[in-house]
Amino acid sequence: MEGSTVTNVRFTARERILATAYALFSQRGIRAVGVDEVIARAQVAKATFYRHFPAKDDLALAFLERREYAWTIDLVQAESERRGRTSEEQLLAIFDIFHEWFQRDDFEGCSFINVLLEMGAGHSSGEACIRYLENVRSIVRERAERAGLRDPDEFARSWHILMKGSIISAAEGDREAAHRAQAMASHLIADHR
């Protein structure tokens, strides 16, 4: 019984650290957030932090992994599947989801793009971002294949440019960027039929 209590306490501390880092990293980036700030806000001891995350890079990688589940899998993949009956409708639904995201007061942009630009492609976090961005393209590529579109890989790369471009435009203040991208995306689908 005591062992399970200790395990729950450890899990709770780890979860608090990761949730705190998620909020801070997604809003301010990795370099701008120090370990001491994460420790203070998560209300854990320094030793507890380092037991769970031996280095800040480990915490950054855990943050990106959580972002993959929360953003790529739960939002982009699952929510767009729920909204569209056909593969083409599911592709276009991505921009409906983006439009809603861009309207939120806490819109923080794409952590994968932000961290890749912040840390660089050669850093372990940058390398992880590249893998996670490829996962987004693979979702698009699969849907293009199911829809019978020509050259699904080329299509996915072009589609992803529209996705990333709309995110950057939204960060600049264009809250209608997803609708603009969706209109271009319709033409891209037609071009690949």
C-alpha atoms as a PDB file:
ATOM      1  CA  MET A   1       0.000   0.000   0.000  1.00  0.00           C
ATOM      2  CA  GLU A   2       2.789   2.466   0.884  1.00  0.00           C
ATOM      3  CA  GLY A   3       4.563   1.797  -2.422  1.00  0.00           C
ATOM      4  CA  SER A   4       1.489   2.810  -4.426  1.00  0.00           C
ATOM      5  CA  THR A   5       1.184   6.057  -2.455  1.00  0.00           C
ATOM      6  CA  VAL A   6       4.799   6.926  -3.233  1.00  0.00           C
ATOM      7  CA  THR A   7       4.231   6.067  -6.899  1.00  0.00           C
ATOM      8  CA  ASN A   8       1.151   8.316  -6.990  1.00  0.00           C
ATOM      9  CA  VAL A   9       3.073  11.165  -5.363  1.00  0.00           C
ATOM     10  CA  ARG A  10       5.889  10.782  -7.880  1.00  0.00           C
ATOM     11  CA  PHE A  11       3.423  10.666 -10.778  1.00  0.00           C
ATOM     12  CA  THR A  12       1.661  13.721  -9.454  1.00  0.00           C
ATOM     13  CA  ALA A  13       4.926  15.647  -9.127  1.00  0.00           C
ATOM     14  CA  ARG A  14       6.038  14.623 -12.616  1.00  0.00           C
ATOM     15  CA  GLU A  15       2.658  15.566 -14.017  1.00  0.00           C
ATOM     16  CA  ARG A  16       2.755  18.953 -12.277  1.00  0.00           C
ATOM     17  CA  ILE A  17       6.225  19.618 -13.680  1.00  0.00           C
ATOM     18  CA  LEU A  18       5.187  18.652 -17.184  1.00  0.00           C
ATOM     19  CA  ALA A  19       1.908  20.598 -17.072  1.00  0.00           C
ATOM     20  CA  THR A  20       3.758  23.669 -15.836  1.00  0.00           C
ATOM     21  CA  ALA A  21       6.425  23.343 -18.513  1.00  0.00           C
ATOM     22  CA  TYR A  22       3.766  22.796 -21.174  1.00  0.00           C
ATOM     23  CA  ALA A  23       2.041  26.068 -20.309  1.00  0.00           C
ATOM     24  CA  LEU A  24       5.297  28.021 -20.114  1.00  0.00           C
ATOM     25  CA  PHE A  25       7.067  26.507 -23.130  1.00  0.00           C
ATOM     26  CA  SER A  26       4.058  26.787 -25.416  1.00  0.00           C
ATOM     27  CA  GLN A  27       3.657  30.478 -24.583  1.00  0.00           C
ATOM     28  CA  ARG A  28       7.262  31.662 -24.251  1.00  0.00           C
ATOM     29  CA  GLY A  29       9.535  29.080 -25.825  1.00  0.00           C
ATOM     30  CA  ILE A  30      12.124  26.850 -24.238  1.00  0.00           C
ATOM     31  CA  ARG A  31      15.104  29.169 -23.818  1.00  0.00           C
ATOM     32  CA  ALA A  32      13.064  31.913 -22.134  1.00  0.00           C
ATOM     33  CA  VAL A  33      11.917  29.570 -19.360  1.00  0.00           C
ATOM     34  CA  GLY A  34      14.384  28.531 -16.689  1.00  0.00           C
ATOM     35  CA  VAL A  35      14.339  25.329 -14.677  1.00  0.00           C
ATOM     36  CA  ASP A  36      14.026  27.339 -11.457  1.00  0.00           C
ATOM     37  CA  GLU A  37      10.808  28.941 -12.723  1.00  0.00           C
ATOM     38  CA  VAL A  38       9.339  25.542 -13.612  1.00  0.00           C
ATOM     39  CA  ILE A  39      10.314  24.181 -10.186  1.00  0.00           C
ATOM     40  CA  ALA A  40       8.767  27.155  -8.391  1.00  0.00           C
ATOM     41  CA  ARG A  41       5.519  27.128 -10.342  1.00  0.00           C
ATOM     42  CA  ALA A  42       5.156  23.336 -10.154  1.00  0.00           C
ATOM     43  CA  GLN A  43       5.850  23.546  -6.408  1.00  0.00           C
ATOM     44  CA  VAL A  44       8.329  20.691  -6.363  1.00  0.00           C
ATOM     45  CA  ALA A  45      11.776  20.336  -4.859  1.00  0.00           C
ATOM     46  CA  LYS A  46      14.779  20.676  -7.109  1.00  0.00           C
ATOM     47  CA  ALA A  47      15.713  17.055  -6.400  1.00  0.00           C
ATOM     48  CA  THR A  48      12.221  15.952  -7.440  1.00  0.00           C
ATOM     49  CA  PHE A  49      12.500  17.859 -10.692  1.00  0.00           C
ATOM     50  CA  TYR A  50      15.863  16.312 -11.566  1.00  0.00           C
ATOM     51  CA  ARG A  51      14.691  12.834 -10.587  1.00  0.00           C
ATOM     52  CA  HIS A  52      12.006  13.086 -13.265  1.00  0.00           C
ATOM     53  CA  PHE A  53      13.905  15.208 -15.781  1.00  0.00           C
ATOM     54  CA  PRO A  54      17.704  14.913 -15.478  1.00  0.00           C
ATOM     55  CA  ALA A  55      18.147  17.886 -17.832  1.00  0.00           C
ATOM     56  CA  LYS A  56      16.038  20.681 -19.245  1.00  0.00           C
ATOM     57  CA  ASP A  57      16.356  19.045 -22.665  1.00  0.00           C
ATOM     58  CA  ASP A  58      14.557  15.984 -21.268  1.00  0.00           C
ATOM     59  CA  LEU A  59      11.709  18.208 -20.137  1.00  0.00           C
ATOM     60  CA  ALA A  60      11.597  19.917 -23.541  1.00  0.00           C
ATOM     61  CA  LEU A  61      11.330  16.536 -25.281  1.00  0.00           C
ATOM     62  CA  ALA A  62       8.538  15.464 -22.911  1.00  0.00           C
ATOM     63  CA  PHE A  63       6.723  18.742 -23.648  1.00  0.00           C
ATOM     64  CA  LEU A  64       6.964  18.134 -27.400  1.00  0.00           C
ATOM     65  CA  GLU A  65       5.720  14.569 -27.003  1.00  0.00           C
ATOM     66  CA  ARG A  66       2.715  15.824 -25.027  1.00  0.00           C
ATOM     67  CA  ARG A  67       2.090  18.438 -27.724  1.00  0.00           C
ATOM     68  CA  GLU A  68       2.088  15.663 -30.320  1.00  0.00           C
ATOM     69  CA  TYR A  69      -0.753  13.905 -28.506  1.00  0.00           C
ATOM     70  CA  ALA A  70      -2.722  17.029 -27.614  1.00  0.00           C
ATOM     71  CA  TRP A  71      -2.348  18.805 -30.925  1.00  0.00           C
ATOM     72  CA  THR A  72      -1.523  16.411 -33.752  1.00  0.00           C
ATOM     73  CA  ILE A  73      -3.431  13.326 -32.633  1.00  0.00           C
ATOM     74  CA  ASP A  74      -6.342  14.729 -30.621  1.00  0.00           C
ATOM     75  CA  LEU A  75      -6.969  17.902 -32.589  1.00  0.00           C
ATOM     76  CA  VAL A  76      -5.656  17.688 -36.156  1.00  0.00           C
ATOM     77  CA  GLN A  77      -6.228  13.980 -36.723  1.00  0.00           C
ATOM     78  CA  ALA A  78      -9.166  12.955 -34.542  1.00  0.00           C
ATOM     79  CA  GLU A  79     -11.204  16.147 -34.630  1.00  0.00           C
ATOM     80  CA  SER A  80     -10.911  16.570 -38.404  1.00  0.00           C
ATOM     81  CA  GLU A  81     -11.954  12.920 -38.847  1.00  0.00           C
ATOM     82  CA  ARG A  82     -14.985  13.585 -36.701  1.00  0.00           C
ATOM     83  CA  ARG A  83     -15.949  16.615 -38.777  1.00  0.00           C
ATOM     84  CA  GLY A  84     -15.570  15.141 -42.248  1.00  0.00           C
ATOM     85  CA  ARG A  85     -17.205  12.135 -43.877  1.00  0.00           C
ATOM     86  CA  THR A  86     -14.765  11.852 -46.792  1.00  0.00           C
ATOM     87  CA  SER A  87     -11.002  12.203 -46.852  1.00  0.00           C
ATOM     88  CA  GLU A  88     -11.315  15.501 -48.725  1.00  0.00           C
ATOM     89  CA  GLU A  89     -13.778  16.856 -46.142  1.00  0.00           C
ATOM     90  CA  GLN A  90     -11.423  15.749 -43.368  1.00  0.00           C
ATOM     91  CA  LEU A  91      -8.543  17.592 -45.033  1.00  0.00           C
ATOM     92  CA  LEU A  92     -10.548  20.800 -45.357  1.00  0.00           C
ATOM     93  CA  ALA A  93     -11.825  20.437 -41.769  1.00  0.00           C
ATOM     94  CA  ILE A  94      -8.258  20.985 -40.566  1.00  0.00           C
ATOM     95  CA  PHE A  95      -8.643  24.632 -41.506  1.00  0.00           C
ATOM     96  CA  ASP A  96     -11.996  24.886 -39.713  1.00  0.00           C
ATOM     97  CA  ILE A  97     -10.214  23.653 -36.590  1.00  0.00           C
ATOM     98  CA  PHE A  98      -7.409  26.129 -37.190  1.00  0.00           C
ATOM     99  CA  HIS A  99      -9.913  28.963 -37.574  1.00  0.00           C
ATOM    100  CA  GLU A 100     -11.372  28.194 -34.150  1.00  0.00           C
ATOM    101  CA  TRP A 101      -7.862  27.928 -32.688  1.00  0.00           C
ATOM    102  CA  PHE A 102      -6.845  31.273 -34.198  1.00  0.00           C
ATOM    103  CA  GLN A 103      -9.809  32.994 -32.506  1.00  0.00           C
ATOM    104  CA  ARG A 104      -8.742  31.942 -29.023  1.00  0.00           C
ATOM    105  CA  ASP A 105      -7.141  34.505 -26.728  1.00  0.00           C
ATOM    106  CA  ASP A 106      -4.534  31.917 -25.746  1.00  0.00           C
ATOM    107  CA  PHE A 107      -3.506  31.121 -29.355  1.00  0.00           C
ATOM    108  CA  GLU A 108       0.171  30.291 -29.045  1.00  0.00           C
ATOM    109  CA  GLY A 109       1.141  29.201 -32.536  1.00  0.00           C
ATOM    110  CA  CYS A 110       2.668  25.856 -33.431  1.00  0.00           C
ATOM    111  CA  SER A 111       5.142  24.685 -30.810  1.00  0.00           C
ATOM    112  CA  PHE A 112       6.875  22.474 -33.363  1.00  0.00           C
ATOM    113  CA  ILE A 113       7.575  25.437 -35.653  1.00  0.00           C
ATOM    114  CA  ASN A 114       8.460  27.711 -32.734  1.00  0.00           C
ATOM    115  CA  VAL A 115      10.871  25.275 -31.085  1.00  0.00           C
ATOM    116  CA  LEU A 116      12.445  24.255 -34.397  1.00  0.00           C
ATOM    117  CA  LEU A 117      13.204  27.891 -35.178  1.00  0.00           C
ATOM    118  CA  GLU A 118      14.288  28.619 -31.612  1.00  0.00           C
ATOM    119  CA  MET A 119      16.568  25.625 -31.057  1.00  0.00           C
ATOM    120  CA  GLY A 120      17.623  24.755 -34.619  1.00  0.00           C
ATOM    121  CA  ALA A 121      17.385  21.537 -36.617  1.00  0.00           C
ATOM    122  CA  GLY A 122      20.557  20.069 -35.076  1.00  0.00           C
ATOM    123  CA  HIS A 123      19.350  20.289 -31.470  1.00  0.00           C
ATOM    124  CA  SER A 124      17.545  17.266 -30.009  1.00  0.00           C
ATOM    125  CA  SER A 125      14.365  19.337 -29.612  1.00  0.00           C
ATOM    126  CA  GLY A 126      14.648  20.585 -33.198  1.00  0.00           C
ATOM    127  CA  GLU A 127      15.097  17.035 -34.439  1.00  0.00           C
ATOM    128  CA  ALA A 128      11.994  15.985 -32.497  1.00  0.00           C
ATOM    129  CA  CYS A 129      10.028  18.859 -34.051  1.00  0.00           C
ATOM    130  CA  ILE A 130      11.034  17.730 -37.531  1.00  0.00           C
ATOM    131  CA  ARG A 131       9.736  14.224 -36.753  1.00  0.00           C
ATOM    132  CA  TYR A 132       6.486  15.592 -35.336  1.00  0.00           C
ATOM    133  CA  LEU A 133       5.959  17.864 -38.348  1.00  0.00           C
ATOM    134  CA  GLU A 134       6.467  14.818 -40.578  1.00  0.00           C
ATOM    135  CA  ASN A 135       3.738  13.071 -38.573  1.00  0.00           C
ATOM    136  CA  VAL A 136       1.354  15.883 -39.505  1.00  0.00           C
ATOM    137  CA  ARG A 137       2.317  15.470 -43.176  1.00  0.00           C
ATOM    138  CA  SER A 138       1.750  11.721 -42.918  1.00  0.00           C
ATOM    139  CA  ILE A 139      -1.849  12.325 -41.800  1.00  0.00           C
ATOM    140  CA  VAL A 140      -2.361  14.557 -44.833  1.00  0.00           C
ATOM    141  CA  ARG A 141      -0.570  12.077 -47.119  1.00  0.00           C
ATOM    142  CA  GLU A 142      -2.792   9.186 -45.950  1.00  0.00           C
ATOM    143  CA  ARG A 143      -5.925  11.201 -46.589  1.00  0.00           C
ATOM    144  CA  ALA A 144      -4.684  12.214 -50.024  1.00  0.00           C
ATOM    145  CA  GLU A 145      -4.068   8.546 -50.828  1.00  0.00           C
ATOM    146  CA  ARG A 146      -7.548   7.561 -49.628  1.00  0.00           C
ATOM    147  CA  ALA A 147      -9.041  10.355 -51.724  1.00  0.00           C
ATOM    148  CA  GLY A 148      -7.178   9.074 -54.781  1.00  0.00           C
ATOM    149  CA  LEU A 149      -5.261  12.314 -55.284  1.00  0.00           C
ATOM    150  CA  ARG A 150      -2.200  12.332 -57.541  1.00  0.00           C
ATOM    151  CA  ASP A 151       1.264  12.367 -55.957  1.00  0.00           C
ATOM    152  CA  PRO A 152       0.194  12.231 -52.299  1.00  0.00           C
ATOM    153  CA  ASP A 153       3.663  13.117 -50.995  1.00  0.00           C
ATOM    154  CA  GLU A 154       3.903  16.276 -53.089  1.00  0.00           C
ATOM    155  CA  PHE A 155       0.332  17.111 -52.147  1.00  0.00           C
ATOM    156  CA  ALA A 156       1.088  16.649 -48.420  1.00  0.00           C
ATOM    157  CA  ARG A 157       4.134  18.919 -48.623  1.00  0.00           C
ATOM    158  CA  SER A 158       2.153  21.652 -50.365  1.00  0.00           C
ATOM    159  CA  TRP A 159      -0.776  21.238 -47.973  1.00  0.00           C
ATOM    160  CA  HIS A 160       1.558  21.484 -45.002  1.00  0.00           C
ATOM    161  CA  ILE A 161       2.926  24.772 -46.344  1.00  0.00           C
ATOM    162  CA  LEU A 162      -0.648  26.090 -46.263  1.00  0.00           C
ATOM    163  CA  MET A 163      -1.092  24.838 -42.707  1.00  0.00           C
ATOM    164  CA  LYS A 164       2.168  26.336 -41.440  1.00  0.00           C
ATOM    165  CA  GLY A 165       1.658  29.548 -43.397  1.00  0.00           C
ATOM    166  CA  SER A 166      -1.782  30.064 -41.899  1.00  0.00           C
ATOM    167  CA  ILE A 167      -0.361  29.571 -38.398  1.00  0.00           C
ATOM    168  CA  ILE A 168       2.324  32.192 -39.018  1.00  0.00           C
ATOM    169  CA  SER A 169      -0.248  34.587 -40.496  1.00  0.00           C
ATOM    170  CA  ALA A 170      -2.478  34.086 -37.467  1.00  0.00           C
ATOM    171  CA  ALA A 171       0.488  34.850 -35.198  1.00  0.00           C
ATOM    172  CA  GLU A 172       0.871  38.104 -37.132  1.00  0.00           C
ATOM    173  CA  GLY A 173      -2.742  38.915 -36.244  1.00  0.00           C
ATOM    174  CA  ASP A 174      -4.660  37.619 -39.291  1.00  0.00           C
ATOM    175  CA  ARG A 175      -7.486  35.759 -37.569  1.00  0.00           C
ATOM    176  CA  GLU A 176      -8.988  34.837 -40.953  1.00  0.00           C
ATOM    177  CA  ALA A 177      -5.806  33.105 -42.140  1.00  0.00           C
ATOM    178  CA  ALA A 178      -7.344  29.631 -41.896  1.00  0.00           C
ATOM    179  CA  HIS A 179     -10.216  30.614 -44.187  1.00  0.00           C
ATOM    180  CA  ARG A 180      -7.753  32.039 -46.725  1.00  0.00           C
ATOM    181  CA  ALA A 181      -5.664  28.876 -46.556  1.00  0.00           C
ATOM    182  CA  GLN A 182      -8.764  26.697 -46.868  1.00  0.00           C
ATOM    183  CA  ALA A 183      -9.730  28.446 -50.108  1.00  0.00           C
ATOM    184  CA  MET A 184      -6.250  27.776 -51.511  1.00  0.00           C
ATOM    185  CA  ALA A 185      -6.431  24.203 -50.198  1.00  0.00           C
ATOM    186  CA  SER A 186      -9.594  23.576 -52.244  1.00  0.00           C
ATOM    187  CA  HIS A 187      -7.657  24.550 -55.374  1.00  0.00           C
ATOM    188  CA  LEU A 188      -4.789  22.283 -54.348  1.00  0.00           C
ATOM    189  CA  ILE A 189      -7.187  19.332 -54.044  1.00  0.00           C
ATOM    190  CA  ALA A 190      -8.612  20.107 -57.502  1.00  0.00           C
ATOM    191  CA  ASP A 191      -5.102  20.325 -58.957  1.00  0.00           C
ATOM    192  CA  HIS A 192      -4.240  16.864 -57.611  1.00  0.00           C
ATOM    193  CA  ARG A 193      -7.403  15.046 -58.744  1.00  0.00           C
END
